C-alpha atoms as a PDB file:
ATOM      1  CA  MET A   1      -5.934 -26.649  70.086  1.00  0.00           C
ATOM      2  CA  PRO A   2      -3.965 -23.420  69.716  1.00  0.00           C
ATOM      3  CA  TYR A   3      -0.189 -23.684  69.684  1.00  0.00           C
ATOM      4  CA  SER A   4       2.953 -21.666  69.142  1.00  0.00           C
ATOM      5  CA  VAL A   5       6.498 -22.695  68.266  1.00  0.00           C
ATOM      6  CA  THR A   6       9.419 -20.325  68.700  1.00  0.00           C
ATOM      7  CA  ASN A   7      13.021 -20.805  67.659  1.00  0.00           C
ATOM      8  CA  LYS A   8      15.524 -18.545  69.354  1.00  0.00           C
ATOM      9  CA  LEU A   9      18.291 -16.885  67.395  1.00  0.00           C
ATOM     10  CA  GLY A  10      21.611 -18.148  68.748  1.00  0.00           C
ATOM     11  CA  THR A  11      24.585 -16.046  69.829  1.00  0.00           C
ATOM     12  CA  THR A  12      27.561 -16.174  67.467  1.00  0.00           C
ATOM     13  CA  TYR A  13      31.068 -14.702  67.425  1.00  0.00           C
ATOM     14  CA  SER A  14      33.671 -14.751  64.685  1.00  0.00           C
ATOM     15  CA  ILE A  15      36.947 -12.984  63.963  1.00  0.00           C
ATOM     16  CA  SER A  16      39.353 -13.145  61.037  1.00  0.00           C
ATOM     17  CA  GLY A  17      42.115 -11.040  59.548  1.00  0.00           C
ATOM     18  CA  ASN A  18      45.738 -10.828  58.565  1.00  0.00           C
ATOM     19  CA  ASN A  19      48.731  -9.070  60.129  1.00  0.00           C
ATOM     20  CA  ILE A  20      46.803  -9.082  63.399  1.00  0.00           C
ATOM     21  CA  THR A  21      47.891 -10.764  66.636  1.00  0.00           C
ATOM     22  CA  PRO A  22      44.922 -11.584  68.873  1.00  0.00           C
ATOM     23  CA  SER A  23      45.173 -12.040  72.627  1.00  0.00           C
ATOM     24  CA  VAL A  24      42.903 -12.573  75.602  1.00  0.00           C
ATOM     25  CA  THR A  25      43.409 -11.035  79.037  1.00  0.00           C
ATOM     26  CA  SER A  26      41.758 -12.862  81.913  1.00  0.00           C
ATOM     27  CA  GLY A  27      42.460 -12.547  85.624  1.00  0.00           C
ATOM     28  CA  GLY A  28      45.403 -10.219  84.983  1.00  0.00           C
ATOM     29  CA  SER A  29      47.138 -12.698  82.672  1.00  0.00           C
ATOM     30  CA  THR A  30      47.400 -12.171  78.882  1.00  0.00           C
ATOM     31  CA  THR A  31      47.542 -15.075  76.442  1.00  0.00           C
ATOM     32  CA  SER A  32      48.937 -14.069  73.034  1.00  0.00           C
ATOM     33  CA  GLY A  33      47.554 -15.855  69.967  1.00  0.00           C
ATOM     34  CA  ALA A  34      44.254 -16.611  71.698  1.00  0.00           C
ATOM     35  CA  ILE A  35      40.856 -15.361  70.663  1.00  0.00           C
ATOM     36  CA  GLY A  36      37.892 -14.601  72.857  1.00  0.00           C
ATOM     37  CA  GLY A  37      34.402 -15.762  72.055  1.00  0.00           C
ATOM     38  CA  LEU A  38      31.425 -16.991  74.004  1.00  0.00           C
ATOM     39  CA  ASN A  39      31.549 -17.809  77.700  1.00  0.00           C
ATOM     40  CA  VAL A  40      28.862 -20.478  78.037  1.00  0.00           C
ATOM     41  CA  SER A  41      29.671 -20.789  81.738  1.00  0.00           C
ATOM     42  CA  SER A  42      28.195 -17.314  82.210  1.00  0.00           C
ATOM     43  CA  LEU A  43      24.620 -17.206  80.923  1.00  0.00           C
ATOM     44  CA  THR A  44      22.109 -14.414  81.420  1.00  0.00           C
ATOM     45  CA  ALA A  45      18.590 -15.460  80.382  1.00  0.00           C
ATOM     46  CA  GLY A  46      20.147 -18.084  78.113  1.00  0.00           C
ATOM     47  CA  VAL A  47      22.564 -15.667  76.407  1.00  0.00           C
ATOM     48  CA  PRO A  48      26.300 -16.312  76.920  1.00  0.00           C
ATOM     49  CA  ALA A  49      28.678 -13.557  77.993  1.00  0.00           C
ATOM     50  CA  LEU A  50      31.347 -12.435  75.524  1.00  0.00           C
ATOM     51  CA  ILE A  51      35.071 -12.844  76.077  1.00  0.00           C
ATOM     52  CA  GLN A  52      36.874  -9.811  74.667  1.00  0.00           C
ATOM     53  CA  THR A  53      39.564 -10.390  72.015  1.00  0.00           C
ATOM     54  CA  ASP A  54      42.387  -7.844  72.186  1.00  0.00           C
ATOM     55  CA  LYS A  55      44.014  -7.110  68.827  1.00  0.00           C
ATOM     56  CA  ALA A  56      47.396  -5.673  67.854  1.00  0.00           C
ATOM     57  CA  ILE A  57      48.983  -5.115  64.451  1.00  0.00           C
ATOM     58  CA  THR A  58      51.753  -7.704  64.044  1.00  0.00           C
ATOM     59  CA  THR A  59      54.055  -5.787  61.655  1.00  0.00           C
ATOM     60  CA  ALA A  60      53.756  -2.032  62.084  1.00  0.00           C
ATOM     61  CA  GLY A  61      53.561  -0.083  58.825  1.00  0.00           C
ATOM     62  CA  SER A  62      52.262  -3.093  56.849  1.00  0.00           C
ATOM     63  CA  ALA A  63      48.740  -3.564  55.558  1.00  0.00           C
ATOM     64  CA  PHE A  64      46.287  -5.393  57.783  1.00  0.00           C
ATOM     65  CA  SER A  65      42.663  -6.494  57.697  1.00  0.00           C
ATOM     66  CA  LEU A  66      40.259  -7.342  60.476  1.00  0.00           C
ATOM     67  CA  THR A  67      36.687  -8.592  60.482  1.00  0.00           C
ATOM     68  CA  GLU A  68      34.902  -9.205  63.756  1.00  0.00           C
ATOM     69  CA  ALA A  69      31.216 -10.097  63.974  1.00  0.00           C
ATOM     70  CA  VAL A  70      28.967 -10.645  66.963  1.00  0.00           C
ATOM     71  CA  THR A  71      25.297 -11.601  66.932  1.00  0.00           C
ATOM     72  CA  ILE A  72      23.627 -11.437  70.332  1.00  0.00           C
ATOM     73  CA  GLY A  73      20.968 -14.119  70.457  1.00  0.00           C
ATOM     74  CA  ASP A  74      17.521 -14.028  71.971  1.00  0.00           C
ATOM     75  CA  ALA A  75      17.039 -14.247  75.708  1.00  0.00           C
ATOM     76  CA  THR A  76      15.038 -17.249  76.872  1.00  0.00           C
ATOM     77  CA  PRO A  77      11.403 -16.086  76.883  1.00  0.00           C
ATOM     78  CA  SER A  78       8.903 -16.897  79.572  1.00  0.00           C
ATOM     79  CA  ALA A  79       6.276 -19.530  78.800  1.00  0.00           C
ATOM     80  CA  VAL A  80       3.730 -18.665  76.121  1.00  0.00           C
ATOM     81  CA  THR A  81       0.199 -19.807  76.856  1.00  0.00           C
ATOM     82  CA  PRO A  82      -2.257 -19.560  73.964  1.00  0.00           C
ATOM     83  CA  SER A  83      -5.834 -18.850  74.952  1.00  0.00           C
ATOM     84  CA  SER A  84      -8.804 -19.077  72.574  1.00  0.00           C
ATOM     85  CA  GLY A  85      -6.430 -19.315  69.647  1.00  0.00           C
ATOM     86  CA  ILE A  86      -4.544 -16.119  70.511  1.00  0.00           C
ATOM     87  CA  ALA A  87      -1.082 -16.018  72.030  1.00  0.00           C
ATOM     88  CA  ALA A  88       0.940 -13.029  73.224  1.00  0.00           C
ATOM     89  CA  LEU A  89       4.306 -13.970  71.748  1.00  0.00           C
ATOM     90  CA  PRO A  90       7.755 -12.746  72.690  1.00  0.00           C
ATOM     91  CA  HIS A  91       9.679 -10.835  70.028  1.00  0.00           C
ATOM     92  CA  LEU A  92      12.333 -13.251  68.804  1.00  0.00           C
ATOM     93  CA  SER A  93      14.872 -12.712  66.058  1.00  0.00           C
ATOM     94  CA  GLY A  94      14.596 -16.393  65.142  1.00  0.00           C
ATOM     95  CA  GLN A  95      11.358 -17.871  63.849  1.00  0.00           C
ATOM     96  CA  THR A  96       7.892 -17.910  65.441  1.00  0.00           C
ATOM     97  CA  THR A  97       5.026 -20.077  64.215  1.00  0.00           C
ATOM     98  CA  VAL A  98       1.512 -19.739  65.599  1.00  0.00           C
ATOM     99  CA  GLY A  99      -1.377 -22.094  64.994  1.00  0.00           C
ATOM    100  CA  SER A 100      -4.808 -20.843  65.883  1.00  0.00           C
ATOM    101  CA  GLY A 101      -5.996 -24.328  66.603  1.00  0.00           C
ATOM    102  CA  GLY A 102      -9.289 -25.346  65.211  1.00  0.00           C
ATOM    103  CA  THR A 103     -12.936 -25.655  65.837  1.00  0.00           C
ATOM    104  CA  LEU A 104     -14.695 -28.413  64.002  1.00  0.00           C
ATOM    105  CA  GLY A 105     -17.836 -26.453  63.200  1.00  0.00           C
ATOM    106  CA  SER A 106     -20.298 -28.639  61.325  1.00  0.00           C
ATOM    107  CA  GLY A 107     -17.711 -30.614  59.343  1.00  0.00           C
ATOM    108  CA  ALA A 108     -18.107 -34.348  59.019  1.00  0.00           C
ATOM    109  CA  MET A 109     -16.239 -37.308  57.544  1.00  0.00           C
ATOM    110  CA  THR A 110     -18.136 -40.185  55.971  1.00  0.00           C
ATOM    111  CA  SER A 111     -16.674 -43.591  55.053  1.00  0.00           C
ATOM    112  CA  LEU A 112     -18.695 -45.576  52.534  1.00  0.00           C
ATOM    113  CA  SER A 113     -18.588 -49.364  52.161  1.00  0.00           C
ATOM    114  CA  SER A 114     -17.118 -48.836  48.678  1.00  0.00           C
ATOM    115  CA  GLY A 115     -13.958 -47.497  50.321  1.00  0.00           C
ATOM    116  CA  VAL A 116     -14.646 -43.881  49.372  1.00  0.00           C
ATOM    117  CA  THR A 117     -14.237 -41.363  52.171  1.00  0.00           C
ATOM    118  CA  THR A 118     -15.742 -37.890  51.932  1.00  0.00           C
ATOM    119  CA  CYS A 119     -15.418 -34.702  53.913  1.00  0.00           C
ATOM    120  CA  SER A 120     -18.369 -32.351  53.978  1.00  0.00           C
ATOM    121  CA  GLY A 121     -19.796 -29.459  55.897  1.00  0.00           C
ATOM    122  CA  ALA A 122     -18.261 -26.275  57.258  1.00  0.00           C
ATOM    123  CA  PHE A 123     -14.929 -26.842  58.962  1.00  0.00           C
ATOM    124  CA  GLY A 124     -13.849 -24.090  61.350  1.00  0.00           C
ATOM    125  CA  SER A 125     -10.695 -22.011  61.434  1.00  0.00           C
ATOM    126  CA  GLY A 126      -7.525 -24.092  61.586  1.00  0.00           C
ATOM    127  CA  SER A 127      -9.386 -27.338  60.871  1.00  0.00           C
ATOM    128  CA  SER A 128      -8.893 -29.723  58.001  1.00  0.00           C
ATOM    129  CA  CYS A 129     -10.150 -33.100  56.894  1.00  0.00           C
ATOM    130  CA  VAL A 130      -7.665 -35.794  55.951  1.00  0.00           C
ATOM    131  CA  ALA A 131      -8.993 -39.224  55.101  1.00  0.00           C
ATOM    132  CA  SER A 132      -7.357 -42.477  54.121  1.00  0.00           C
ATOM    133  CA  THR A 133      -8.430 -46.042  53.544  1.00  0.00           C
ATOM    134  CA  THR A 134      -6.431 -49.095  54.590  1.00  0.00           C
ATOM    135  CA  VAL A 135      -7.156 -52.526  53.164  1.00  0.00           C
ATOM    136  CA  THR A 136      -5.787 -55.516  55.055  1.00  0.00           C
ATOM    137  CA  ILE A 137      -5.844 -59.001  53.602  1.00  0.00           C
ATOM    138  CA  THR A 138      -5.067 -61.919  55.920  1.00  0.00           C
ATOM    139  CA  ILE A 139      -4.384 -65.340  54.427  1.00  0.00           C
ATOM    140  CA  ASP A 140      -4.410 -68.398  56.680  1.00  0.00           C
END
């Protein structure tokens, strides 16, 4: 059976620095010392909205550093339905794995009374043969 597995890339936000005073303005009110980030209460296709971080130099004329990084994650894709081993996949920045499924073909598994198991024949695309033997001894 064909299958696909997709892992979305998540949204991330980070900020760091020195001699910087962050603040957040929301609803006309400013909170000094606060940082913005991700607003998970406001999702669009599974991606959170960003809360802006305002930044000001704390001591004018002194050295400062600032690093701010944002990664916008993948939107939630619509359902993927493989057909005949082929799937039209969404473009995701995370990881996508596709399995073409398998068709047995003329492959066969044979278990002999000696405990030996063999696989023979032509197995189709995506197929494999895995055999094991279990011995159970019951003592009354």
